[in-house]
């Protein structure tokens, strides 16, 4: 009966080096870095979408009122928010609030906005997403 237990080896002591700690921290750090990357990722896509809207505006392929709502939608997606007035731009907050107010006025005023106004608004939106 003693021969049956002869091949069992007692477990060794747990590792005491810091590589074990590294393997626990590496996935956490990777998740944080991916989260930061993902948070900033929508901005380039929304800039491309705004440039595409600028081209369609030049070709008169899109309704101008719809374009103002598309600009607001792009900005909300890029800033990961549902309300543009809550986005914090630090020292440029006053200019941001003026831009958002101008955008909302073009969205809800009677009549359609002119092409010049929309060109200016698109340029400003692209510039805000580049910051």
N, C-alpha and C. Protein backbone atom coordinates (compact mmCIF):
# COMPACT_ATOMS: atom_id res chain seq x y z
N UNK A 1 0.81 -1.19 0.00
CA UNK A 1 0.00 0.00 0.00
C UNK A 1 0.86 1.27 0.00
N UNK A 2 2.07 1.19 0.58
CA UNK A 2 2.95 2.34 0.59
C UNK A 2 3.52 2.65 -0.79
N UNK A 3 3.59 1.66 -1.65
CA UNK A 3 4.08 1.88 -3.01
C UNK A 3 3.12 2.74 -3.81
N UNK A 4 1.88 2.75 -3.48
CA UNK A 4 0.85 3.52 -4.18
C UNK A 4 1.10 5.02 -4.03
N UNK A 5 1.62 5.48 -2.93
CA UNK A 5 1.83 6.89 -2.65
C UNK A 5 3.27 7.34 -2.92
N UNK A 6 4.07 6.51 -3.43
CA UNK A 6 5.49 6.83 -3.61
C UNK A 6 5.72 7.86 -4.71
N UNK A 7 4.85 7.97 -5.71
CA UNK A 7 5.07 8.89 -6.83
C UNK A 7 4.55 10.30 -6.59
N UNK A 8 3.87 10.55 -5.52
CA UNK A 8 3.32 11.88 -5.25
C UNK A 8 4.41 12.78 -4.70
N UNK A 9 4.50 13.99 -5.29
CA UNK A 9 5.52 14.97 -4.88
C UNK A 9 4.82 16.10 -4.15
N UNK A 10 5.35 16.50 -3.06
CA UNK A 10 4.77 17.60 -2.27
C UNK A 10 4.86 18.90 -3.06
N UNK A 11 3.83 19.75 -2.96
CA UNK A 11 3.88 21.03 -3.68
C UNK A 11 4.99 21.92 -3.14
N UNK A 12 5.55 22.73 -4.03
CA UNK A 12 6.63 23.63 -3.65
C UNK A 12 6.08 24.91 -3.04
N UNK A 13 6.95 25.74 -2.59
CA UNK A 13 6.57 27.03 -2.02
C UNK A 13 6.06 27.95 -3.13
N UNK A 14 5.13 28.85 -2.80
CA UNK A 14 4.62 29.79 -3.82
C UNK A 14 5.75 30.71 -4.30
N UNK A 15 5.65 31.18 -5.53
CA UNK A 15 6.70 32.06 -6.05
C UNK A 15 6.72 33.38 -5.29
N UNK A 16 7.88 33.89 -5.06
CA UNK A 16 8.01 35.13 -4.30
C UNK A 16 8.53 36.28 -5.16
N UNK A 17 8.78 36.05 -6.42
CA UNK A 17 9.31 37.12 -7.26
C UNK A 17 8.19 38.05 -7.73
N UNK A 18 8.56 39.17 -8.34
CA UNK A 18 7.59 40.18 -8.75
C UNK A 18 6.96 39.90 -10.11
N UNK A 19 7.42 38.88 -10.82
CA UNK A 19 6.80 38.59 -12.12
C UNK A 19 5.36 38.16 -11.95
N UNK A 20 5.06 37.53 -10.84
CA UNK A 20 3.68 37.13 -10.57
C UNK A 20 2.77 38.38 -10.47
N UNK A 21 3.28 39.40 -9.80
CA UNK A 21 2.54 40.66 -9.70
C UNK A 21 2.36 41.30 -11.08
N UNK A 22 3.38 41.22 -11.91
CA UNK A 22 3.29 41.78 -13.26
C UNK A 22 2.15 41.14 -14.05
N UNK A 23 1.98 39.84 -13.95
CA UNK A 23 0.93 39.16 -14.70
C UNK A 23 -0.46 39.52 -14.21
N UNK A 24 -0.57 40.01 -13.00
CA UNK A 24 -1.86 40.50 -12.53
C UNK A 24 -2.10 41.94 -12.98
N UNK A 25 -1.06 42.74 -12.99
CA UNK A 25 -1.21 44.14 -13.36
C UNK A 25 -1.27 44.37 -14.87
N UNK A 26 -0.64 43.51 -15.64
CA UNK A 26 -0.60 43.70 -17.09
C UNK A 26 -1.99 43.76 -17.72
N UNK A 27 -2.92 42.83 -17.41
CA UNK A 27 -4.26 42.95 -18.02
C UNK A 27 -5.02 44.20 -17.56
N UNK A 28 -4.80 44.60 -16.33
CA UNK A 28 -5.49 45.80 -15.83
C UNK A 28 -4.97 47.04 -16.57
N UNK A 29 -3.64 47.15 -16.70
CA UNK A 29 -3.08 48.28 -17.43
C UNK A 29 -3.48 48.27 -18.91
N UNK A 30 -3.53 47.09 -19.49
CA UNK A 30 -3.96 46.98 -20.88
C UNK A 30 -5.41 47.42 -21.04
N UNK A 31 -6.26 47.04 -20.10
CA UNK A 31 -7.66 47.46 -20.17
C UNK A 31 -7.79 48.97 -20.04
N UNK A 32 -7.00 49.58 -19.18
CA UNK A 32 -7.05 51.04 -19.03
C UNK A 32 -6.58 51.72 -20.31
N UNK A 33 -5.50 51.24 -20.90
CA UNK A 33 -5.00 51.84 -22.14
C UNK A 33 -5.99 51.68 -23.28
N UNK A 34 -6.61 50.51 -23.38
CA UNK A 34 -7.62 50.31 -24.42
C UNK A 34 -8.82 51.21 -24.20
N UNK A 35 -9.19 51.43 -22.95
CA UNK A 35 -10.30 52.33 -22.64
C UNK A 35 -10.00 53.75 -23.06
N UNK A 36 -8.78 54.20 -22.78
CA UNK A 36 -8.38 55.56 -23.20
C UNK A 36 -8.35 55.65 -24.72
N UNK A 37 -7.80 54.64 -25.37
CA UNK A 37 -7.76 54.63 -26.83
C UNK A 37 -9.18 54.64 -27.41
N UNK A 38 -10.07 53.84 -26.87
CA UNK A 38 -11.43 53.78 -27.39
C UNK A 38 -12.15 55.10 -27.18
N UNK A 39 -11.89 55.76 -26.06
CA UNK A 39 -12.56 57.03 -25.78
C UNK A 39 -12.18 58.09 -26.79
N UNK A 40 -10.95 58.08 -27.25
CA UNK A 40 -10.50 59.09 -28.21
C UNK A 40 -10.67 58.65 -29.65
N UNK A 41 -11.05 57.43 -29.87
CA UNK A 41 -11.17 56.91 -31.22
C UNK A 41 -12.31 57.50 -32.04
N UNK A 42 -13.47 57.80 -31.46
CA UNK A 42 -14.57 58.30 -32.30
C UNK A 42 -14.30 59.64 -32.98
N UNK A 43 -13.39 60.41 -32.44
CA UNK A 43 -13.15 61.73 -33.02
C UNK A 43 -12.69 61.69 -34.48
N UNK A 44 -11.70 60.87 -34.84
CA UNK A 44 -11.31 60.84 -36.26
C UNK A 44 -12.44 60.38 -37.17
N UNK A 45 -13.22 59.43 -36.72
CA UNK A 45 -14.34 58.95 -37.54
C UNK A 45 -15.37 60.05 -37.74
N UNK A 46 -15.63 60.82 -36.70
CA UNK A 46 -16.61 61.89 -36.83
C UNK A 46 -16.07 63.04 -37.68
N UNK A 47 -14.74 63.28 -37.63
CA UNK A 47 -14.17 64.29 -38.53
C UNK A 47 -14.33 63.86 -39.98
N UNK A 48 -14.12 62.58 -40.24
CA UNK A 48 -14.33 62.09 -41.63
C UNK A 48 -15.78 62.25 -42.04
N UNK A 49 -16.69 61.97 -41.12
CA UNK A 49 -18.11 62.11 -41.44
C UNK A 49 -18.46 63.58 -41.71
N UNK A 50 -17.90 64.49 -40.93
CA UNK A 50 -18.16 65.91 -41.16
C UNK A 50 -17.59 66.37 -42.50
N UNK A 51 -16.42 65.88 -42.85
CA UNK A 51 -15.85 66.23 -44.17
C UNK A 51 -16.73 65.69 -45.30
N UNK A 52 -17.26 64.50 -45.09
CA UNK A 52 -18.18 63.95 -46.09
C UNK A 52 -19.44 64.81 -46.20
N UNK A 53 -19.96 65.26 -45.06
CA UNK A 53 -21.13 66.14 -45.10
C UNK A 53 -20.82 67.46 -45.79
N UNK A 54 -19.58 67.94 -45.61
CA UNK A 54 -19.18 69.19 -46.29
C UNK A 54 -19.17 69.00 -47.81
N UNK A 55 -18.70 67.81 -48.25
CA UNK A 55 -18.70 67.54 -49.70
C UNK A 55 -20.13 67.42 -50.23
N UNK A 56 -21.00 66.74 -49.48
CA UNK A 56 -22.39 66.61 -49.95
C UNK A 56 -23.11 67.95 -49.94
N UNK A 57 -22.72 68.83 -49.01
CA UNK A 57 -23.31 70.17 -49.01
C UNK A 57 -22.89 70.92 -50.26
N UNK A 58 -21.64 70.79 -50.65
CA UNK A 58 -21.15 71.46 -51.86
C UNK A 58 -21.83 70.94 -53.12
N UNK A 59 -22.22 69.67 -53.10
CA UNK A 59 -22.91 69.08 -54.25
C UNK A 59 -24.42 69.21 -54.17
N UNK A 60 -24.92 69.88 -53.13
CA UNK A 60 -26.36 70.05 -52.89
C UNK A 60 -27.10 68.71 -52.85
N UNK A 61 -26.49 67.72 -52.20
CA UNK A 61 -27.11 66.40 -52.11
C UNK A 61 -27.83 66.16 -50.79
N UNK A 62 -27.82 67.14 -49.90
CA UNK A 62 -28.38 66.92 -48.57
C UNK A 62 -29.25 68.12 -48.18
N UNK A 63 -30.29 67.84 -47.40
CA UNK A 63 -31.15 68.90 -46.88
C UNK A 63 -30.36 69.71 -45.85
N UNK A 64 -30.42 71.01 -45.95
CA UNK A 64 -29.60 71.86 -45.08
C UNK A 64 -30.01 71.77 -43.62
N UNK A 65 -31.30 71.67 -43.35
CA UNK A 65 -31.73 71.55 -41.96
C UNK A 65 -31.26 70.20 -41.38
N UNK A 66 -31.36 69.16 -42.18
CA UNK A 66 -30.88 67.85 -41.74
C UNK A 66 -29.38 67.90 -41.43
N UNK A 67 -28.65 68.69 -42.18
CA UNK A 67 -27.22 68.81 -41.99
C UNK A 67 -26.88 69.39 -40.62
N UNK A 68 -27.66 70.35 -40.15
CA UNK A 68 -27.39 70.91 -38.82
C UNK A 68 -27.57 69.85 -37.74
N UNK A 69 -28.58 69.00 -37.87
CA UNK A 69 -28.78 67.93 -36.90
C UNK A 69 -27.69 66.87 -37.02
N UNK A 70 -27.19 66.63 -38.22
CA UNK A 70 -26.09 65.68 -38.41
C UNK A 70 -24.81 66.19 -37.77
N UNK A 71 -24.56 67.49 -37.86
CA UNK A 71 -23.39 68.08 -37.22
C UNK A 71 -23.47 67.89 -35.71
N UNK A 72 -24.63 68.17 -35.15
CA UNK A 72 -24.81 68.01 -33.70
C UNK A 72 -24.64 66.55 -33.29
N UNK A 73 -25.16 65.64 -34.10
CA UNK A 73 -25.02 64.22 -33.80
C UNK A 73 -23.56 63.78 -33.82
N UNK A 74 -22.81 64.24 -34.81
CA UNK A 74 -21.38 63.91 -34.88
C UNK A 74 -20.64 64.43 -33.65
N UNK A 75 -20.94 65.64 -33.26
CA UNK A 75 -20.26 66.21 -32.10
C UNK A 75 -20.61 65.45 -30.82
N UNK A 76 -21.88 65.07 -30.68
CA UNK A 76 -22.27 64.30 -29.49
C UNK A 76 -21.56 62.95 -29.46
N UNK A 77 -21.47 62.28 -30.59
CA UNK A 77 -20.79 60.99 -30.64
C UNK A 77 -19.31 61.14 -30.37
N UNK A 78 -18.69 62.14 -30.92
CA UNK A 78 -17.25 62.34 -30.74
C UNK A 78 -16.91 62.69 -29.30
N UNK A 79 -17.78 63.43 -28.65
CA UNK A 79 -17.53 63.84 -27.27
C UNK A 79 -18.13 62.87 -26.26
N UNK A 80 -18.79 61.82 -26.74
CA UNK A 80 -19.38 60.79 -25.88
C UNK A 80 -20.33 61.40 -24.86
N UNK A 81 -21.26 62.19 -25.34
CA UNK A 81 -22.22 62.83 -24.46
C UNK A 81 -23.57 62.92 -25.16
N UNK A 82 -24.59 63.21 -24.40
CA UNK A 82 -25.91 63.41 -25.00
C UNK A 82 -26.26 64.89 -25.06
N UNK A 83 -25.52 65.71 -24.31
CA UNK A 83 -25.77 67.15 -24.31
C UNK A 83 -24.48 67.89 -24.59
N UNK A 84 -24.49 68.66 -25.65
CA UNK A 84 -23.28 69.38 -26.05
C UNK A 84 -22.93 70.50 -25.09
N UNK A 85 -23.92 71.07 -24.41
CA UNK A 85 -23.61 72.17 -23.50
C UNK A 85 -22.89 71.70 -22.24
N UNK A 86 -22.78 70.39 -22.02
CA UNK A 86 -22.10 69.87 -20.84
C UNK A 86 -20.65 69.46 -21.13
N UNK A 87 -20.20 69.60 -22.35
CA UNK A 87 -18.83 69.24 -22.70
C UNK A 87 -17.90 70.33 -22.16
N UNK A 88 -16.81 69.91 -21.53
CA UNK A 88 -15.87 70.84 -20.92
C UNK A 88 -14.64 71.02 -21.81
N UNK A 89 -14.42 72.26 -22.26
CA UNK A 89 -13.24 72.58 -23.06
C UNK A 89 -12.29 73.50 -22.30
N UNK A 90 -12.42 73.53 -21.01
CA UNK A 90 -11.48 74.29 -20.17
C UNK A 90 -11.49 75.77 -20.46
N UNK A 91 -10.35 76.29 -20.86
CA UNK A 91 -10.22 77.74 -21.08
C UNK A 91 -11.00 78.22 -22.30
N UNK A 92 -11.40 77.32 -23.18
CA UNK A 92 -12.14 77.70 -24.38
C UNK A 92 -13.64 77.44 -24.22
N UNK A 93 -14.10 77.34 -23.00
CA UNK A 93 -15.49 77.01 -22.74
C UNK A 93 -16.45 78.08 -23.29
N UNK A 94 -16.08 79.33 -23.19
CA UNK A 94 -16.96 80.41 -23.68
C UNK A 94 -17.15 80.30 -25.20
N UNK A 95 -16.07 80.04 -25.93
CA UNK A 95 -16.18 79.89 -27.38
C UNK A 95 -17.00 78.65 -27.72
N UNK A 96 -16.84 77.58 -26.96
CA UNK A 96 -17.62 76.36 -27.21
C UNK A 96 -19.11 76.63 -27.00
N UNK A 97 -19.44 77.34 -25.93
CA UNK A 97 -20.86 77.65 -25.66
C UNK A 97 -21.44 78.52 -26.77
N UNK A 98 -20.66 79.47 -27.28
CA UNK A 98 -21.11 80.30 -28.41
C UNK A 98 -21.35 79.44 -29.65
N UNK A 99 -20.45 78.50 -29.90
CA UNK A 99 -20.60 77.61 -31.05
C UNK A 99 -21.86 76.74 -30.92
N UNK A 100 -22.07 76.18 -29.75
CA UNK A 100 -23.26 75.33 -29.53
C UNK A 100 -24.53 76.15 -29.66
N UNK A 101 -24.52 77.37 -29.15
CA UNK A 101 -25.69 78.24 -29.28
C UNK A 101 -25.97 78.57 -30.76
N UNK A 102 -24.92 78.86 -31.51
CA UNK A 102 -25.09 79.13 -32.94
C UNK A 102 -25.65 77.91 -33.66
N UNK A 103 -25.15 76.73 -33.33
CA UNK A 103 -25.64 75.50 -33.93
C UNK A 103 -27.12 75.29 -33.63
N UNK A 104 -27.50 75.52 -32.39
CA UNK A 104 -28.90 75.34 -32.01
C UNK A 104 -29.81 76.38 -32.66
N UNK A 105 -29.31 77.59 -32.82
CA UNK A 105 -30.11 78.61 -33.51
C UNK A 105 -30.35 78.22 -34.96
N UNK A 106 -29.33 77.68 -35.63
CA UNK A 106 -29.51 77.26 -37.02
C UNK A 106 -30.43 76.05 -37.11
N UNK A 107 -30.45 75.22 -36.09
CA UNK A 107 -31.32 74.04 -36.12
C UNK A 107 -32.79 74.41 -36.00
N UNK A 108 -33.08 75.36 -35.15
CA UNK A 108 -34.48 75.58 -34.78
C UNK A 108 -35.08 76.88 -35.28
N UNK A 109 -34.34 77.67 -36.03
CA UNK A 109 -34.92 78.90 -36.54
C UNK A 109 -35.79 78.59 -37.76
N UNK A 110 -36.77 79.43 -38.04
CA UNK A 110 -37.59 79.20 -39.23
C UNK A 110 -36.76 79.45 -40.49
N UNK A 111 -37.05 78.70 -41.51
CA UNK A 111 -36.30 78.82 -42.76
C UNK A 111 -35.06 77.96 -42.71
N UNK A 112 -34.51 77.72 -43.89
CA UNK A 112 -33.31 76.88 -43.96
C UNK A 112 -32.05 77.74 -43.87
N UNK A 113 -31.01 77.24 -43.25
CA UNK A 113 -29.76 78.00 -43.18
C UNK A 113 -29.10 78.11 -44.56
N UNK A 114 -28.33 79.16 -44.75
CA UNK A 114 -27.66 79.34 -46.04
C UNK A 114 -26.44 78.43 -46.13
N UNK A 115 -25.96 78.27 -47.33
CA UNK A 115 -24.80 77.41 -47.54
C UNK A 115 -23.54 78.01 -46.90
N UNK A 116 -23.44 79.31 -46.90
CA UNK A 116 -22.29 79.98 -46.29
C UNK A 116 -22.27 79.73 -44.78
N UNK A 117 -23.44 79.85 -44.15
CA UNK A 117 -23.53 79.59 -42.71
C UNK A 117 -23.14 78.14 -42.38
N UNK A 118 -23.62 77.23 -43.21
CA UNK A 118 -23.32 75.81 -42.96
C UNK A 118 -21.85 75.49 -43.22
N UNK A 119 -21.26 76.11 -44.23
CA UNK A 119 -19.82 75.91 -44.47
C UNK A 119 -19.00 76.37 -43.26
N UNK A 120 -19.36 77.54 -42.76
CA UNK A 120 -18.66 78.08 -41.60
C UNK A 120 -18.86 77.17 -40.38
N UNK A 121 -20.09 76.69 -40.19
CA UNK A 121 -20.39 75.81 -39.06
C UNK A 121 -19.65 74.48 -39.16
N UNK A 122 -19.58 73.93 -40.36
CA UNK A 122 -18.84 72.68 -40.55
C UNK A 122 -17.35 72.85 -40.27
N UNK A 123 -16.78 73.96 -40.73
CA UNK A 123 -15.37 74.22 -40.48
C UNK A 123 -15.10 74.34 -38.98
N UNK A 124 -15.99 75.03 -38.28
CA UNK A 124 -15.83 75.17 -36.84
C UNK A 124 -15.97 73.82 -36.13
N UNK A 125 -16.92 73.01 -36.57
CA UNK A 125 -17.11 71.70 -35.95
C UNK A 125 -15.89 70.82 -36.15
N UNK A 126 -15.32 70.82 -37.35
CA UNK A 126 -14.12 70.04 -37.61
C UNK A 126 -12.96 70.56 -36.75
N UNK A 127 -12.87 71.87 -36.61
CA UNK A 127 -11.80 72.44 -35.76
C UNK A 127 -11.99 72.04 -34.30
N UNK A 128 -13.23 72.03 -33.81
CA UNK A 128 -13.47 71.63 -32.42
C UNK A 128 -13.10 70.17 -32.21
N UNK A 129 -13.35 69.33 -33.19
CA UNK A 129 -13.00 67.91 -33.03
C UNK A 129 -11.50 67.69 -33.14
N UNK A 130 -10.78 68.62 -33.69
CA UNK A 130 -9.33 68.49 -33.80
C UNK A 130 -8.62 68.89 -32.52
N UNK A 131 -9.34 69.50 -31.59
CA UNK A 131 -8.71 69.96 -30.33
C UNK A 131 -8.62 68.83 -29.35
